[in-house]
Amino acid sequence: MNYAQFTLTSDSSKLSDKEKELIPILIQVAKIMDSLFWKQSVDNKTEFMATLDDAVTIGFAEINYGPWDRL
């Protein structure tokens, strides 16, 4: 399966000051959720990724949070 790369952009000029203050908090929460999803998928991300030996497989695992195609 092929995956397309893209750059995610946004226009934060319409956000209020309070909404802008929330962005770093939401990023922290997203990082926690990311770690939890890896834990659910393969238990230990570092150990799992160390078993992979080529760039294509590593890229696939990073996109899909493990060895299975999530699509």
N, C-alpha and C. Protein backbone atom coordinates (compact mmCIF):
# COMPACT_ATOMS: atom_id res chain seq x y z
N MET A 1 0.85 -1.18 0.00
CA MET A 1 0.00 0.00 0.00
C MET A 1 0.89 1.24 0.00
N ASN A 2 0.47 2.23 -0.72
CA ASN A 2 1.22 3.49 -0.79
C ASN A 2 0.59 4.52 0.13
N TYR A 3 1.45 5.30 0.73
CA TYR A 3 1.00 6.39 1.60
C TYR A 3 1.49 7.70 1.02
N ALA A 4 0.67 8.72 1.06
CA ALA A 4 1.05 10.04 0.56
C ALA A 4 1.53 10.90 1.71
N GLN A 5 2.63 11.60 1.50
CA GLN A 5 3.11 12.54 2.50
C GLN A 5 2.45 13.90 2.27
N PHE A 6 2.21 14.60 3.34
CA PHE A 6 1.64 15.94 3.24
C PHE A 6 2.05 16.74 4.46
N THR A 7 1.93 18.03 4.36
CA THR A 7 2.22 18.93 5.47
C THR A 7 0.90 19.43 6.02
N LEU A 8 0.68 19.21 7.28
CA LEU A 8 -0.53 19.67 7.94
C LEU A 8 -0.32 21.12 8.38
N THR A 9 -1.17 21.99 7.93
CA THR A 9 -1.07 23.40 8.29
C THR A 9 -2.38 23.87 8.90
N SER A 10 -2.32 25.00 9.56
CA SER A 10 -3.54 25.59 10.11
C SER A 10 -3.36 27.10 10.22
N ASP A 11 -4.48 27.77 10.30
CA ASP A 11 -4.48 29.22 10.46
C ASP A 11 -4.94 29.53 11.88
N SER A 12 -3.99 29.88 12.73
CA SER A 12 -4.34 30.15 14.13
C SER A 12 -4.70 31.61 14.38
N SER A 13 -4.73 32.41 13.33
CA SER A 13 -5.01 33.84 13.50
C SER A 13 -6.43 34.10 13.99
N LYS A 14 -7.33 33.17 13.77
CA LYS A 14 -8.72 33.36 14.20
C LYS A 14 -8.98 32.85 15.62
N LEU A 15 -7.96 32.26 16.25
CA LEU A 15 -8.13 31.77 17.61
C LEU A 15 -8.01 32.90 18.62
N SER A 16 -8.76 32.78 19.69
CA SER A 16 -8.65 33.75 20.78
C SER A 16 -7.34 33.49 21.54
N ASP A 17 -6.96 34.42 22.41
CA ASP A 17 -5.75 34.22 23.21
C ASP A 17 -5.88 32.98 24.10
N LYS A 18 -7.05 32.76 24.66
CA LYS A 18 -7.29 31.59 25.51
C LYS A 18 -7.16 30.31 24.70
N GLU A 19 -7.68 30.31 23.49
CA GLU A 19 -7.57 29.12 22.64
C GLU A 19 -6.10 28.86 22.28
N LYS A 20 -5.36 29.90 22.02
CA LYS A 20 -3.94 29.76 21.70
C LYS A 20 -3.16 29.21 22.90
N GLU A 21 -3.57 29.56 24.11
CA GLU A 21 -2.92 29.04 25.31
C GLU A 21 -3.13 27.53 25.46
N LEU A 22 -4.22 27.02 24.90
CA LEU A 22 -4.54 25.61 25.00
C LEU A 22 -3.70 24.73 24.07
N ILE A 23 -3.16 25.31 23.03
CA ILE A 23 -2.44 24.50 22.03
C ILE A 23 -1.30 23.69 22.64
N PRO A 24 -0.41 24.27 23.45
CA PRO A 24 0.65 23.44 24.04
C PRO A 24 0.11 22.32 24.94
N ILE A 25 -1.00 22.58 25.63
CA ILE A 25 -1.61 21.56 26.48
C ILE A 25 -2.16 20.42 25.62
N LEU A 26 -2.81 20.77 24.53
CA LEU A 26 -3.34 19.75 23.63
C LEU A 26 -2.22 18.93 22.99
N ILE A 27 -1.10 19.55 22.71
CA ILE A 27 0.05 18.82 22.18
C ILE A 27 0.57 17.84 23.21
N GLN A 28 0.65 18.26 24.48
CA GLN A 28 1.07 17.35 25.55
C GLN A 28 0.12 16.15 25.66
N VAL A 29 -1.16 16.41 25.61
CA VAL A 29 -2.16 15.34 25.69
C VAL A 29 -2.01 14.40 24.49
N ALA A 30 -1.79 14.95 23.31
CA ALA A 30 -1.62 14.13 22.11
C ALA A 30 -0.39 13.21 22.25
N LYS A 31 0.67 13.71 22.85
CA LYS A 31 1.87 12.88 23.05
C LYS A 31 1.59 11.74 24.02
N ILE A 32 0.80 12.01 25.05
CA ILE A 32 0.41 10.97 26.00
C ILE A 32 -0.45 9.92 25.28
N MET A 33 -1.41 10.38 24.50
CA MET A 33 -2.28 9.46 23.76
C MET A 33 -1.47 8.63 22.78
N ASP A 34 -0.48 9.24 22.15
CA ASP A 34 0.39 8.53 21.21
C ASP A 34 1.11 7.39 21.93
N SER A 35 1.66 7.68 23.10
CA SER A 35 2.35 6.65 23.89
C SER A 35 1.41 5.53 24.30
N LEU A 36 0.20 5.89 24.70
CA LEU A 36 -0.78 4.89 25.11
C LEU A 36 -1.18 3.99 23.94
N PHE A 37 -1.32 4.57 22.76
CA PHE A 37 -1.70 3.78 21.61
C PHE A 37 -0.59 2.80 21.24
N TRP A 38 0.67 3.26 21.30
CA TRP A 38 1.79 2.35 21.07
C TRP A 38 1.77 1.21 22.09
N LYS A 39 1.51 1.55 23.35
CA LYS A 39 1.47 0.54 24.42
C LYS A 39 0.40 -0.51 24.11
N GLN A 40 -0.76 -0.07 23.65
CA GLN A 40 -1.83 -1.00 23.30
C GLN A 40 -1.46 -1.86 22.09
N SER A 41 -0.73 -1.28 21.16
CA SER A 41 -0.42 -1.97 19.91
C SER A 41 0.69 -3.00 20.05
N VAL A 42 1.82 -2.58 20.64
CA VAL A 42 2.99 -3.47 20.67
C VAL A 42 3.64 -3.56 22.04
N ASP A 43 3.05 -2.97 23.04
CA ASP A 43 3.55 -2.90 24.42
C ASP A 43 4.73 -1.96 24.53
N ASN A 44 5.91 -2.36 24.08
CA ASN A 44 7.09 -1.51 24.23
C ASN A 44 7.56 -1.07 22.85
N LYS A 45 7.31 0.19 22.51
CA LYS A 45 7.66 0.72 21.19
C LYS A 45 9.15 0.59 20.91
N THR A 46 9.99 0.95 21.87
CA THR A 46 11.43 0.93 21.67
C THR A 46 11.92 -0.47 21.33
N GLU A 47 11.46 -1.45 22.09
CA GLU A 47 11.86 -2.84 21.83
C GLU A 47 11.35 -3.32 20.47
N PHE A 48 10.11 -2.99 20.17
CA PHE A 48 9.54 -3.41 18.89
C PHE A 48 10.30 -2.79 17.73
N MET A 49 10.54 -1.49 17.78
CA MET A 49 11.22 -0.80 16.68
C MET A 49 12.65 -1.33 16.51
N ALA A 50 13.28 -1.78 17.58
CA ALA A 50 14.64 -2.32 17.51
C ALA A 50 14.67 -3.64 16.73
N THR A 51 13.53 -4.30 16.58
CA THR A 51 13.49 -5.55 15.82
C THR A 51 13.40 -5.32 14.32
N LEU A 52 13.14 -4.09 13.91
CA LEU A 52 12.98 -3.78 12.49
C LEU A 52 14.31 -3.37 11.90
N ASP A 53 14.56 -3.80 10.66
CA ASP A 53 15.89 -3.59 10.13
C ASP A 53 15.99 -2.80 8.83
N ASP A 54 14.87 -2.34 8.29
CA ASP A 54 14.98 -1.54 7.07
C ASP A 54 14.03 -0.34 7.12
N ALA A 55 14.38 0.69 6.38
CA ALA A 55 13.67 1.97 6.45
C ALA A 55 12.20 1.84 6.04
N VAL A 56 11.91 1.01 5.06
CA VAL A 56 10.52 0.86 4.60
C VAL A 56 9.66 0.25 5.71
N THR A 57 10.15 -0.78 6.35
CA THR A 57 9.41 -1.44 7.43
C THR A 57 9.26 -0.51 8.63
N ILE A 58 10.30 0.23 8.95
CA ILE A 58 10.24 1.18 10.05
C ILE A 58 9.20 2.26 9.76
N GLY A 59 9.21 2.80 8.55
CA GLY A 59 8.22 3.80 8.16
C GLY A 59 6.81 3.27 8.24
N PHE A 60 6.61 2.03 7.76
CA PHE A 60 5.30 1.39 7.82
C PHE A 60 4.83 1.27 9.27
N ALA A 61 5.73 0.82 10.15
CA ALA A 61 5.39 0.64 11.56
C ALA A 61 5.06 1.98 12.22
N GLU A 62 5.79 3.02 11.88
CA GLU A 62 5.53 4.34 12.47
C GLU A 62 4.17 4.87 12.05
N ILE A 63 3.81 4.66 10.79
CA ILE A 63 2.50 5.13 10.31
C ILE A 63 1.37 4.34 10.96
N ASN A 64 1.55 3.02 11.08
CA ASN A 64 0.47 2.14 11.53
C ASN A 64 0.54 1.76 13.01
N TYR A 65 1.51 2.32 13.74
CA TYR A 65 1.65 2.00 15.16
C TYR A 65 1.79 0.50 15.39
N GLY A 66 2.62 -0.12 14.60
CA GLY A 66 2.85 -1.54 14.74
C GLY A 66 3.00 -2.23 13.41
N PRO A 67 3.00 -3.56 13.42
CA PRO A 67 3.26 -4.32 12.20
C PRO A 67 2.05 -4.54 11.30
N TRP A 68 0.86 -4.08 11.69
CA TRP A 68 -0.33 -4.34 10.92
C TRP A 68 -0.81 -3.08 10.22
N ASP A 69 -1.35 -3.25 9.04
CA ASP A 69 -1.92 -2.15 8.28
C ASP A 69 -3.25 -1.77 8.90
N ARG A 70 -3.34 -0.61 9.47
CA ARG A 70 -4.56 -0.18 10.18
C ARG A 70 -5.72 0.14 9.24
N LEU A 71 -5.43 0.29 7.96
CA LEU A 71 -6.51 0.56 7.02
C LEU A 71 -7.21 -0.72 6.63
